[in-house]
PDB file of N, CA and C in Angstrom:
ATOM      1  N   MET A   1     106.136  89.656  94.762  1.00  0.00           N
ATOM      2  CA  MET A   1     106.730  90.719  93.992  1.00  0.00           C
ATOM      3  C   MET A   1     106.716  90.374  92.511  1.00  0.00           C
ATOM      4  N   SER A   2     107.019  89.123  92.198  1.00  0.00           N
ATOM      5  CA  SER A   2     107.025  88.710  90.792  1.00  0.00           C
ATOM      6  C   SER A   2     105.630  88.781  90.196  1.00  0.00           C
ATOM      7  N   ALA A   3     104.642  88.354  90.940  1.00  0.00           N
ATOM      8  CA  ALA A   3     103.268  88.372  90.436  1.00  0.00           C
ATOM      9  C   ALA A   3     102.821  89.804  90.165  1.00  0.00           C
ATOM     10  N   LEU A   4     103.201  90.729  91.024  1.00  0.00           N
ATOM     11  CA  LEU A   4     102.850  92.128  90.818  1.00  0.00           C
ATOM     12  C   LEU A   4     103.521  92.666  89.550  1.00  0.00           C
ATOM     13  N   GLY A   5     104.743  92.268  89.296  1.00  0.00           N
ATOM     14  CA  GLY A   5     105.441  92.682  88.088  1.00  0.00           C
ATOM     15  C   GLY A   5     104.778  92.153  86.832  1.00  0.00           C
ATOM     16  N   ILE A   6     104.321  90.902  86.882  1.00  0.00           N
ATOM     17  CA  ILE A   6     103.650  90.315  85.721  1.00  0.00           C
ATOM     18  C   ILE A   6     102.326  91.027  85.460  1.00  0.00           C
ATOM     19  N   VAL A   7     101.574  91.304  86.508  1.00  0.00           N
ATOM     20  CA  VAL A   7     100.298  92.001  86.344  1.00  0.00           C
ATOM     21  C   VAL A   7     100.526  93.385  85.743  1.00  0.00           C
ATOM     22  N   ALA A   8     101.520  94.106  86.235  1.00  0.00           N
ATOM     23  CA  ALA A   8     101.820  95.437  85.704  1.00  0.00           C
ATOM     24  C   ALA A   8     102.258  95.357  84.248  1.00  0.00           C
ATOM     25  N   ALA A   9     103.036  94.337  83.904  1.00  0.00           N
ATOM     26  CA  ALA A   9     103.481  94.182  82.516  1.00  0.00           C
ATOM     27  C   ALA A   9     102.314  93.884  81.590  1.00  0.00           C
ATOM     28  N   VAL A  10     101.427  93.003  82.011  1.00  0.00           N
ATOM     29  CA  VAL A  10     100.266  92.669  81.180  1.00  0.00           C
ATOM     30  C   VAL A  10      99.366  93.886  81.008  1.00  0.00           C
ATOM     31  N   LEU A  11      99.145  94.629  82.071  1.00  0.00           N
ATOM     32  CA  LEU A  11      98.328  95.836  81.954  1.00  0.00           C
ATOM     33  C   LEU A  11      98.979  96.866  81.030  1.00  0.00           C
ATOM     34  N   GLY A  12     100.289  96.981  81.104  1.00  0.00           N
ATOM     35  CA  GLY A  12     100.997  97.894  80.214  1.00  0.00           C
ATOM     36  C   GLY A  12     100.881  97.481  78.760  1.00  0.00           C
ATOM     37  N   VAL A  13     100.974  96.180  78.500  1.00  0.00           N
ATOM     38  CA  VAL A  13     100.838  95.679  77.129  1.00  0.00           C
ATOM     39  C   VAL A  13      99.427  95.911  76.616  1.00  0.00           C
ATOM     40  N   ILE A  14      98.438  95.654  77.435  1.00  0.00           N
ATOM     41  CA  ILE A  14      97.043  95.860  77.010  1.00  0.00           C
ATOM     42  C   ILE A  14      96.797  97.334  76.691  1.00  0.00           C
ATOM     43  N   LYS A  15      97.277  98.206  77.550  1.00  0.00           N
ATOM     44  CA  LYS A  15      97.079  99.640  77.322  1.00  0.00           C
ATOM     45  C   LYS A  15      97.808 100.097  76.055  1.00  0.00           C
ATOM     46  N   THR A  16      99.016  99.608  75.854  1.00  0.00           N
ATOM     47  CA  THR A  16      99.790 100.008  74.681  1.00  0.00           C
ATOM     48  C   THR A  16      99.186  99.453  73.402  1.00  0.00           C
ATOM     49  N   MET A  17      98.739  98.229  73.418  1.00  0.00           N
ATOM     50  CA  MET A  17      98.135  97.631  72.226  1.00  0.00           C
ATOM     51  C   MET A  17      96.826  98.324  71.854  1.00  0.00           C
ATOM     52  N   GLY A  18      96.173  98.906  72.825  1.00  0.00           N
ATOM     53  CA  GLY A  18      94.946  99.641  72.542  1.00  0.00           C
ATOM     54  C   GLY A  18      95.210 100.913  71.753  1.00  0.00           C
ATOM     55  N   SER A  19      96.421 101.432  71.869  1.00  0.00           N
ATOM     56  CA  SER A  19      96.755 102.661  71.133  1.00  0.00           C
ATOM     57  C   SER A  19      97.948 102.413  70.214  1.00  0.00           C
ATOM     58  N   ILE A  20      97.937 101.298  69.495  1.00  0.00           N
ATOM     59  CA  ILE A  20      99.052 100.905  68.629  1.00  0.00           C
ATOM     60  C   ILE A  20      99.226 101.864  67.451  1.00  0.00           C
ATOM     61  N   THR A  21      98.170 102.547  67.055  1.00  0.00           N
ATOM     62  CA  THR A  21      98.265 103.479  65.926  1.00  0.00           C
ATOM     63  C   THR A  21      98.753 104.850  66.369  1.00  0.00           C
ATOM     64  N   GLY A  22      99.101 104.992  67.614  1.00  0.00           N
ATOM     65  CA  GLY A  22      99.545 106.275  68.161  1.00  0.00           C
ATOM     66  C   GLY A  22     100.978 106.592  67.785  1.00  0.00           C
ATOM     67  N   PRO A  23     101.534 107.615  68.391  1.00  0.00           N
ATOM     68  CA  PRO A  23     102.904 108.043  68.093  1.00  0.00           C
ATOM     69  C   PRO A  23     103.933 107.024  68.609  1.00  0.00           C
ATOM     70  N   PRO A  24     105.185 107.132  68.142  1.00  0.00           N
ATOM     71  CA  PRO A  24     106.230 106.181  68.563  1.00  0.00           C
ATOM     72  C   PRO A  24     106.490 106.173  70.064  1.00  0.00           C
ATOM     73  N   GLU A  25     106.191 107.261  70.755  1.00  0.00           N
ATOM     74  CA  GLU A  25     106.412 107.299  72.204  1.00  0.00           C
ATOM     75  C   GLU A  25     105.544 106.276  72.925  1.00  0.00           C
ATOM     76  N   VAL A  26     104.360 106.039  72.372  1.00  0.00           N
ATOM     77  CA  VAL A  26     103.462 105.061  72.985  1.00  0.00           C
ATOM     78  C   VAL A  26     104.027 103.659  72.802  1.00  0.00           C
ATOM     79  N   LEU A  27     104.578 103.386  71.635  1.00  0.00           N
ATOM     80  CA  LEU A  27     105.174 102.068  71.403  1.00  0.00           C
ATOM     81  C   LEU A  27     106.455 101.884  72.223  1.00  0.00           C
ATOM     82  N   GLY A  28     107.114 102.997  72.558  1.00  0.00           N
ATOM     83  CA  GLY A  28     108.283 102.920  73.423  1.00  0.00           C
ATOM     84  C   GLY A  28     107.918 102.376  74.797  1.00  0.00           C
ATOM     85  N   ALA A  29     106.704 102.644  75.242  1.00  0.00           N
ATOM     86  CA  ALA A  29     106.243 102.109  76.527  1.00  0.00           C
ATOM     87  C   ALA A  29     106.169 100.588  76.472  1.00  0.00           C
ATOM     88  N   LEU A  30     105.758 100.051  75.325  1.00  0.00           N
ATOM     89  CA  LEU A  30     105.694  98.597  75.177  1.00  0.00           C
ATOM     90  C   LEU A  30     107.094  97.987  75.255  1.00  0.00           C
ATOM     91  N   VAL A  31     108.053  98.625  74.585  1.00  0.00           N
ATOM     92  CA  VAL A  31     109.431  98.140  74.612  1.00  0.00           C
ATOM     93  C   VAL A  31     109.986  98.211  76.030  1.00  0.00           C
ATOM     94  N   ARG A  32     109.713  99.287  76.752  1.00  0.00           N
ATOM     95  CA  ARG A  32     110.185  99.416  78.138  1.00  0.00           C
ATOM     96  C   ARG A  32     109.561  98.342  79.033  1.00  0.00           C
ATOM     97  N   THR A  33     108.301  98.029  78.768  1.00  0.00           N
ATOM     98  CA  THR A  33     107.636  96.998  79.562  1.00  0.00           C
ATOM     99  C   THR A  33     108.310  95.643  79.355  1.00  0.00           C
ATOM    100  N   PHE A  34     108.556  95.292  78.105  1.00  0.00           N
ATOM    101  CA  PHE A  34     109.215  94.014  77.828  1.00  0.00           C
ATOM    102  C   PHE A  34     110.638  93.996  78.366  1.00  0.00           C
ATOM    103  N   LEU A  35     111.332  95.116  78.274  1.00  0.00           N
ATOM    104  CA  LEU A  35     112.689  95.198  78.813  1.00  0.00           C
ATOM    105  C   LEU A  35     112.684  95.022  80.334  1.00  0.00           C
ATOM    106  N   GLY A  36     111.705  95.620  80.993  1.00  0.00           N
ATOM    107  CA  GLY A  36     111.599  95.464  82.444  1.00  0.00           C
ATOM    108  C   GLY A  36     111.354  94.024  82.861  1.00  0.00           C
ATOM    109  N   VAL A  37     110.483  93.338  82.139  1.00  0.00           N
ATOM    110  CA  VAL A  37     110.217  91.927  82.444  1.00  0.00           C
ATOM    111  C   VAL A  37     111.466  91.094  82.194  1.00  0.00           C
ATOM    112  N   PHE A  38     112.166  91.377  81.092  1.00  0.00           N
ATOM    113  CA  PHE A  38     113.378  90.624  80.772  1.00  0.00           C
ATOM    114  C   PHE A  38     114.448  90.816  81.835  1.00  0.00           C
ATOM    115  N   VAL A  39     114.658  92.049  82.277  1.00  0.00           N
ATOM    116  CA  VAL A  39     115.666  92.320  83.304  1.00  0.00           C
ATOM    117  C   VAL A  39     115.269  91.669  84.624  1.00  0.00           C
ATOM    118  N   ALA A  40     113.988  91.745  84.968  1.00  0.00           N
ATOM    119  CA  ALA A  40     113.538  91.189  86.245  1.00  0.00           C
ATOM    120  C   ALA A  40     113.722  89.675  86.293  1.00  0.00           C
ATOM    121  N   TYR A  41     113.334  88.990  85.229  1.00  0.00           N
ATOM    122  CA  TYR A  41     113.421  87.534  85.244  1.00  0.00           C
ATOM    123  C   TYR A  41     114.740  87.015  84.710  1.00  0.00           C
ATOM    124  N   GLY A  42     115.407  87.777  83.849  1.00  0.00           N
ATOM    125  CA  GLY A  42     116.658  87.321  83.271  1.00  0.00           C
ATOM    126  C   GLY A  42     117.856  87.543  84.159  1.00  0.00           C
ATOM    127  N   PHE A  43     117.845  88.609  84.944  1.00  0.00           N
ATOM    128  CA  PHE A  43     119.012  88.937  85.751  1.00  0.00           C
ATOM    129  C   PHE A  43     118.720  88.947  87.252  1.00  0.00           C
ATOM    130  N   LEU A  44     117.704  89.679  87.650  1.00  0.00           N
ATOM    131  CA  LEU A  44     117.440  89.811  89.076  1.00  0.00           C
ATOM    132  C   LEU A  44     117.015  88.496  89.717  1.00  0.00           C
ATOM    133  N   ALA A  45     116.274  87.682  88.997  1.00  0.00           N
ATOM    134  CA  ALA A  45     115.868  86.382  89.543  1.00  0.00           C
ATOM    135  C   ALA A  45     117.088  85.482  89.750  1.00  0.00           C
ATOM    136  N   LEU A  46     118.054  85.553  88.832  1.00  0.00           N
ATOM    137  CA  LEU A  46     119.272  84.750  88.988  1.00  0.00           C
ATOM    138  C   LEU A  46     120.098  85.209  90.182  1.00  0.00           C
ATOM    139  N   ILE A  47     120.188  86.512  90.363  1.00  0.00           N
ATOM    140  CA  ILE A  47     120.928  87.040  91.513  1.00  0.00           C
ATOM    141  C   ILE A  47     120.248  86.643  92.815  1.00  0.00           C
ATOM    142  N   ALA A  48     118.934  86.745  92.853  1.00  0.00           N
ATOM    143  CA  ALA A  48     118.195  86.363  94.062  1.00  0.00           C
ATOM    144  C   ALA A  48     118.370  84.879  94.368  1.00  0.00           C
ATOM    145  N   ASN A  49     118.388  84.048  93.337  1.00  0.00           N
ATOM    146  CA  ASN A  49     118.575  82.612  93.533  1.00  0.00           C
ATOM    147  C   ASN A  49     119.973  82.316  94.076  1.00  0.00           C
ATOM    148  N   THR A  50     120.988  83.011  93.576  1.00  0.00           N
ATOM    149  CA  THR A  50     122.351  82.812  94.051  1.00  0.00           C
ATOM    150  C   THR A  50     122.487  83.212  95.519  1.00  0.00           C
ATOM    151  N   VAL A  51     121.910  84.339  95.889  1.00  0.00           N
ATOM    152  CA  VAL A  51     121.958  84.793  97.279  1.00  0.00           C
ATOM    153  C   VAL A  51     121.220  83.806  98.183  1.00  0.00           C
ATOM    154  N   SER A  52     120.104  83.296  97.710  1.00  0.00           N
ATOM    155  CA  SER A  52     119.334  82.327  98.485  1.00  0.00           C
ATOM    156  C   SER A  52     120.125  81.041  98.724  1.00  0.00           C
ATOM    157  N   MET A  53     120.829  80.574  97.708  1.00  0.00           N
ATOM    158  CA  MET A  53     121.633  79.353  97.866  1.00  0.00           C
ATOM    159  C   MET A  53     122.789  79.575  98.841  1.00  0.00           C
ATOM    160  N   ALA A  54     123.420  80.748  98.794  1.00  0.00           N
ATOM    161  CA  ALA A  54     124.504  81.050  99.729  1.00  0.00           C
ATOM    162  C   ALA A  54     123.978  81.090 101.161  1.00  0.00           C
ATOM    163  N   TYR A  55     122.811  81.675 101.350  1.00  0.00           N
ATOM    164  CA  TYR A  55     122.200  81.738 102.681  1.00  0.00           C
ATOM    165  C   TYR A  55     121.870  80.331 103.185  1.00  0.00           C
ATOM    166  N   GLU A  56     121.357  79.487 102.303  1.00  0.00           N
ATOM    167  CA  GLU A  56     121.011  78.115 102.690  1.00  0.00           C
ATOM    168  C   GLU A  56     122.254  77.322 103.070  1.00  0.00           C
ATOM    169  N   THR A  57     123.342  77.515 102.327  1.00  0.00           N
ATOM    170  CA  THR A  57     124.585  76.799 102.624  1.00  0.00           C
ATOM    171  C   THR A  57     125.128  77.209 103.987  1.00  0.00           C
ATOM    172  N   GLU A  58     125.101  78.498 104.280  1.00  0.00           N
ATOM    173  CA  GLU A  58     125.577  78.960 105.581  1.00  0.00           C
ATOM    174  C   GLU A  58     124.688  78.433 106.703  1.00  0.00           C
ATOM    175  N   GLY A  59     123.399  78.389 106.461  1.00  0.00           N
ATOM    176  CA  GLY A  59     122.479  77.866 107.463  1.00  0.00           C
ATOM    177  C   GLY A  59     122.713  76.398 107.759  1.00  0.00           C
ATOM    178  N   LYS A  60     123.124  75.639 106.739  1.00  0.00           N
ATOM    179  CA  LYS A  60     123.417  74.213 106.949  1.00  0.00           C
ATOM    180  C   LYS A  60     124.595  74.024 107.892  1.00  0.00           C
ATOM    181  N   CYS A  61     125.575  74.924 107.842  1.00  0.00           N
ATOM    182  CA  CYS A  61     126.718  74.828 108.758  1.00  0.00           C
ATOM    183  C   CYS A  61     126.260  74.979 110.209  1.00  0.00           C
ATOM    184  N   TYR A  62     125.362  75.923 110.456  1.00  0.00           N
ATOM    185  CA  TYR A  62     124.854  76.120 111.812  1.00  0.00           C
ATOM    186  C   TYR A  62     124.000  74.929 112.262  1.00  0.00           C
ATOM    187  N   LEU A  63     123.220  74.374 111.349  1.00  0.00           N
ATOM    188  CA  LEU A  63     122.435  73.182 111.697  1.00  0.00           C
ATOM    189  C   LEU A  63     123.342  72.001 112.014  1.00  0.00           C
ATOM    190  N   CYS A  64     124.470  71.908 111.311  1.00  0.00           N
ATOM    191  CA  CYS A  64     125.433  70.840 111.575  1.00  0.00           C
ATOM    192  C   CYS A  64     125.986  70.961 112.996  1.00  0.00           C
ATOM    193  N   MET A  65     126.393  72.163 113.365  1.00  0.00           N
ATOM    194  CA  MET A  65     126.925  72.371 114.721  1.00  0.00           C
ATOM    195  C   MET A  65     125.862  72.085 115.778  1.00  0.00           C
ATOM    196  N   LYS A  66     124.642  72.528 115.519  1.00  0.00           N
ATOM    197  CA  LYS A  66     123.552  72.313 116.465  1.00  0.00           C
ATOM    198  C   LYS A  66     123.286  70.822 116.673  1.00  0.00           C
ATOM    199  N   ALA A  67     123.254  70.067 115.568  1.00  0.00           N
ATOM    200  CA  ALA A  67     122.985  68.633 115.675  1.00  0.00           C
ATOM    201  C   ALA A  67     124.091  67.923 116.444  1.00  0.00           C
ATOM    202  N   GLY A  68     125.338  68.299 116.205  1.00  0.00           N
ATOM    203  CA  GLY A  68     126.456  67.680 116.922  1.00  0.00           C
ATOM    204  C   GLY A  68     126.421  67.988 118.410  1.00  0.00           C
ATOM    205  N   ILE A  69     126.122  69.228 118.752  1.00  0.00           N
ATOM    206  CA  ILE A  69     126.069  69.621 120.171  1.00  0.00           C
ATOM    207  C   ILE A  69     124.913  68.932 120.882  1.00  0.00           C
ATOM    208  N   LEU A  70     123.746  68.878 120.228  1.00  0.00           N
ATOM    209  CA  LEU A  70     122.602  68.206 120.856  1.00  0.00           C
ATOM    210  C   LEU A  70     122.861  66.716 121.054  1.00  0.00           C
ATOM    211  N   ALA A  71     123.531  66.092 120.099  1.00  0.00           N
ATOM    212  CA  ALA A  71     123.861  64.672 120.254  1.00  0.00           C
ATOM    213  C   ALA A  71     124.846  64.478 121.403  1.00  0.00           C
ATOM    214  N   TYR A  72     125.811  65.394 121.538  1.00  0.00           N
ATOM    215  CA  TYR A  72     126.770  65.310 122.633  1.00  0.00           C
ATOM    216  C   TYR A  72     126.078  65.486 123.981  1.00  0.00           C
ATOM    217  N   LEU A  73     125.120  66.416 124.048  1.00  0.00           N
ATOM    218  CA  LEU A  73     124.403  66.646 125.301  1.00  0.00           C
ATOM    219  C   LEU A  73     123.524  65.461 125.698  1.00  0.00           C
ATOM    220  N   GLN A  74     123.182  64.620 124.727  1.00  0.00           N
ATOM    221  CA  GLN A  74     122.390  63.423 125.017  1.00  0.00           C
ATOM    222  C   GLN A  74     123.278  62.212 125.270  1.00  0.00           C
ATOM    223  N   ASP A  75     124.568  62.455 125.492  1.00  0.00           N
ATOM    224  CA  ASP A  75     125.562  61.435 125.869  1.00  0.00           C
ATOM    225  C   ASP A  75     125.766  60.348 124.820  1.00  0.00           C
ATOM    226  N   TYR A  76     125.743  60.724 123.548  1.00  0.00           N
ATOM    227  CA  TYR A  76     126.109  59.782 122.492  1.00  0.00           C
ATOM    228  C   TYR A  76     127.621  59.721 122.372  1.00  0.00           C
ATOM    229  N   ALA A  77     128.127  58.655 121.798  1.00  0.00           N
ATOM    230  CA  ALA A  77     129.563  58.512 121.559  1.00  0.00           C
ATOM    231  C   ALA A  77     130.008  59.560 120.539  1.00  0.00           C
ATOM    232  N   PRO A  78     131.281  59.966 120.584  1.00  0.00           N
ATOM    233  CA  PRO A  78     131.757  61.006 119.662  1.00  0.00           C
ATOM    234  C   PRO A  78     131.523  60.664 118.185  1.00  0.00           C
ATOM    235  N   ALA A  79     131.718  59.427 117.800  1.00  0.00           N
ATOM    236  CA  ALA A  79     131.513  59.046 116.399  1.00  0.00           C
ATOM    237  C   ALA A  79     130.037  59.200 116.001  1.00  0.00           C
ATOM    238  N   VAL A  80     129.147  58.896 116.931  1.00  0.00           N
ATOM    239  CA  VAL A  80     127.714  59.036 116.651  1.00  0.00           C
ATOM    240  C   VAL A  80     127.337  60.515 116.584  1.00  0.00           C
ATOM    241  N   CYS A  81     127.950  61.332 117.443  1.00  0.00           N
ATOM    242  CA  CYS A  81     127.703  62.781 117.395  1.00  0.00           C
ATOM    243  C   CYS A  81     128.112  63.345 116.036  1.00  0.00           C
ATOM    244  N   ILE A  82     129.232  62.878 115.534  1.00  0.00           N
ATOM    245  CA  ILE A  82     129.691  63.329 114.224  1.00  0.00           C
ATOM    246  C   ILE A  82     128.708  62.902 113.147  1.00  0.00           C
ATOM    247  N   GLU A  83     128.174  61.710 113.236  1.00  0.00           N
ATOM    248  CA  GLU A  83     127.193  61.247 112.248  1.00  0.00           C
ATOM    249  C   GLU A  83     125.922  62.098 112.284  1.00  0.00           C
ATOM    250  N   PHE A  84     125.460  62.438 113.470  1.00  0.00           N
ATOM    251  CA  PHE A  84     124.285  63.314 113.580  1.00  0.00           C
ATOM    252  C   PHE A  84     124.580  64.677 112.934  1.00  0.00           C
ATOM    253  N   ALA A  85     125.775  65.196 113.200  1.00  0.00           N
ATOM    254  CA  ALA A  85     126.143  66.493 112.630  1.00  0.00           C
ATOM    255  C   ALA A  85     126.257  66.419 111.113  1.00  0.00           C
ATOM    256  N   CYS A  86     126.831  65.352 110.601  1.00  0.00           N
ATOM    257  CA  CYS A  86     127.030  65.228 109.154  1.00  0.00           C
ATOM    258  C   CYS A  86     125.721  65.074 108.403  1.00  0.00           C
ATOM    259  N   ARG A  87     124.713  64.555 109.042  1.00  0.00           N
ATOM    260  CA  ARG A  87     123.413  64.426 108.372  1.00  0.00           C
ATOM    261  C   ARG A  87     122.838  65.775 107.974  1.00  0.00           C
ATOM    262  N   ALA A  88     123.203  66.826 108.694  1.00  0.00           N
ATOM    263  CA  ALA A  88     122.670  68.158 108.412  1.00  0.00           C
ATOM    264  C   ALA A  88     123.386  68.843 107.246  1.00  0.00           C
ATOM    265  N   LEU A  89     124.536  68.298 106.813  1.00  0.00           N
ATOM    266  CA  LEU A  89     125.298  68.921 105.740  1.00  0.00           C
ATOM    267  C   LEU A  89     124.747  68.541 104.373  1.00  0.00           C
ATOM    268  N   LEU A  90     125.066  69.368 103.380  1.00  0.00           N
ATOM    269  CA  LEU A  90     124.713  69.040 101.999  1.00  0.00           C
ATOM    270  C   LEU A  90     125.564  67.865 101.530  1.00  0.00           C
ATOM    271  N   SER A  91     125.057  67.090 100.618  1.00  0.00           N
ATOM    272  CA  SER A  91     125.726  65.857 100.220  1.00  0.00           C
ATOM    273  C   SER A  91     127.078  66.083  99.557  1.00  0.00           C
ATOM    274  N   ASP A  92     127.296  67.232  98.917  1.00  0.00           N
ATOM    275  CA  ASP A  92     128.576  67.450  98.244  1.00  0.00           C
ATOM    276  C   ASP A  92     129.707  67.785  99.212  1.00  0.00           C
ATOM    277  N   VAL A  93     129.425  68.147 100.445  1.00  0.00           N
ATOM    278  CA  VAL A  93     130.461  68.437 101.432  1.00  0.00           C
ATOM    279  C   VAL A  93     130.420  67.468 102.615  1.00  0.00           C
ATOM    280  N   ARG A  94     129.508  66.525 102.602  1.00  0.00           N
ATOM    281  CA  ARG A  94     129.352  65.600 103.723  1.00  0.00           C
ATOM    282  C   ARG A  94     130.455  64.526 103.691  1.00  0.00           C
ATOM    283  N   PRO A  95     131.222  64.408 104.778  1.00  0.00           N
ATOM    284  CA  PRO A  95     132.232  63.340 104.812  1.00  0.00           C
ATOM    285  C   PRO A  95     131.550  61.993 105.062  1.00  0.00           C
ATOM    286  N   ASN A  96     132.204  60.936 104.605  1.00  0.00           N
ATOM    287  CA  ASN A  96     131.629  59.610 104.876  1.00  0.00           C
ATOM    288  C   ASN A  96     132.034  59.168 106.289  1.00  0.00           C
ATOM    289  N   PHE A  97     131.559  58.026 106.702  1.00  0.00           N
ATOM    290  CA  PHE A  97     131.786  57.558 108.072  1.00  0.00           C
ATOM    291  C   PHE A  97     133.266  57.357 108.354  1.00  0.00           C
ATOM    292  N   TYR A  98     133.996  56.826 107.389  1.00  0.00           N
ATOM    293  CA  TYR A  98     135.411  56.524 107.616  1.00  0.00           C
ATOM    294  C   TYR A  98     136.244  57.803 107.758  1.00  0.00           C
ATOM    295  N   GLU A  99     135.913  58.843 107.025  1.00  0.00           N
ATOM    296  CA  GLU A  99     136.624  60.116 107.170  1.00  0.00           C
ATOM    297  C   GLU A  99     136.364  60.721 108.549  1.00  0.00           C
ATOM    298  N   GLY A 100     135.144  60.617 109.044  1.00  0.00           N
ATOM    299  CA  GLY A 100     134.828  61.102 110.384  1.00  0.00           C
ATOM    300  C   GLY A 100     135.527  60.290 111.448  1.00  0.00           C
ATOM    301  N   ASP A 101     135.594  58.982 111.240  1.00  0.00           N
ATOM    302  CA  ASP A 101     136.252  58.094 112.189  1.00  0.00           C
ATOM    303  C   ASP A 101     137.751  58.404 112.258  1.00  0.00           C
ATOM    304  N   GLU A 102     138.375  58.622 111.123  1.00  0.00           N
ATOM    305  CA  GLU A 102     139.800  58.966 111.104  1.00  0.00           C
ATOM    306  C   GLU A 102     140.052  60.304 111.788  1.00  0.00           C
ATOM    307  N   ALA A 103     139.137  61.265 111.597  1.00  0.00           N
ATOM    308  CA  ALA A 103     139.305  62.571 112.236  1.00  0.00           C
ATOM    309  C   ALA A 103     139.198  62.466 113.752  1.00  0.00           C
ATOM    310  N   VAL A 104     138.331  61.610 114.249  1.00  0.00           N
ATOM    311  CA  VAL A 104     138.177  61.437 115.700  1.00  0.00           C
ATOM    312  C   VAL A 104     139.430  60.801 116.291  1.00  0.00           C
ATOM    313  N   PHE A 105     139.967  59.791 115.622  1.00  0.00           N
ATOM    314  CA  PHE A 105     141.152  59.113 116.162  1.00  0.00           C
ATOM    315  C   PHE A 105     142.404  59.945 116.007  1.00  0.00           C
ATOM    316  N   ALA A 106     142.408  60.936 115.133  1.00  0.00           N
ATOM    317  CA  ALA A 106     143.575  61.800 114.957  1.00  0.00           C
ATOM    318  C   ALA A 106     143.650  62.880 116.037  1.00  0.00           C
ATOM    319  N   LEU A 107     142.567  63.090 116.769  1.00  0.00           N
ATOM    320  CA  LEU A 107     142.551  64.109 117.832  1.00  0.00           C
ATOM    321  C   LEU A 107     143.452  63.671 118.991  1.00  0.00           C
ATOM    322  N   PRO A 108     144.097  64.621 119.657  1.00  0.00           N
ATOM    323  CA  PRO A 108     144.908  64.252 120.815  1.00  0.00           C
ATOM    324  C   PRO A 108     144.025  63.782 121.972  1.00  0.00           C
ATOM    325  N   ALA A 109     144.589  62.943 122.796  1.00  0.00           N
ATOM    326  CA  ALA A 109     143.845  62.419 123.945  1.00  0.00           C
ATOM    327  C   ALA A 109     143.590  63.547 124.940  1.00  0.00           C
ATOM    328  N   VAL A 110     142.503  63.421 125.673  1.00  0.00           N
ATOM    329  CA  VAL A 110     142.161  64.428 126.672  1.00  0.00           C
ATOM    330  C   VAL A 110     143.177  64.373 127.791  1.00  0.00           C
ATOM    331  N   GLY A 111     143.723  65.551 128.148  1.00  0.00           N
ATOM    332  CA  GLY A 111     144.695  65.633 129.232  1.00  0.00           C
ATOM    333  C   GLY A 111     146.107  65.378 128.765  1.00  0.00           C
ATOM    334  N   ALA A 112     146.308  65.182 127.445  1.00  0.00           N
ATOM    335  CA  ALA A 112     147.678  64.903 126.951  1.00  0.00           C
ATOM    336  C   ALA A 112     148.387  66.176 126.591  1.00  0.00           C
TER     337      ALA A 112
END
């Protein structure tokens, strides 16, 4: 989509520059072309990047759950399952080993 926008902008500039001695309405097309490129890359690209990062963050949560469940199904110890799950998280939200260990020991015993 971006490449198509750039091609259209360049073609618009070439066409407008060919008739630079024309009336002001023709030069208005050049201004609209530059404004369109500025809005597309200045604002819409930033919004798309923000949405993409939010989608990636949510996807990491599901990958974390998947890794923990698969490790549990392969009969790993609970602490190891937590480590497998934490590997799928982003580094800014990933707990260290000791935080995971404390969380496991804080859980109530089974059948209690």
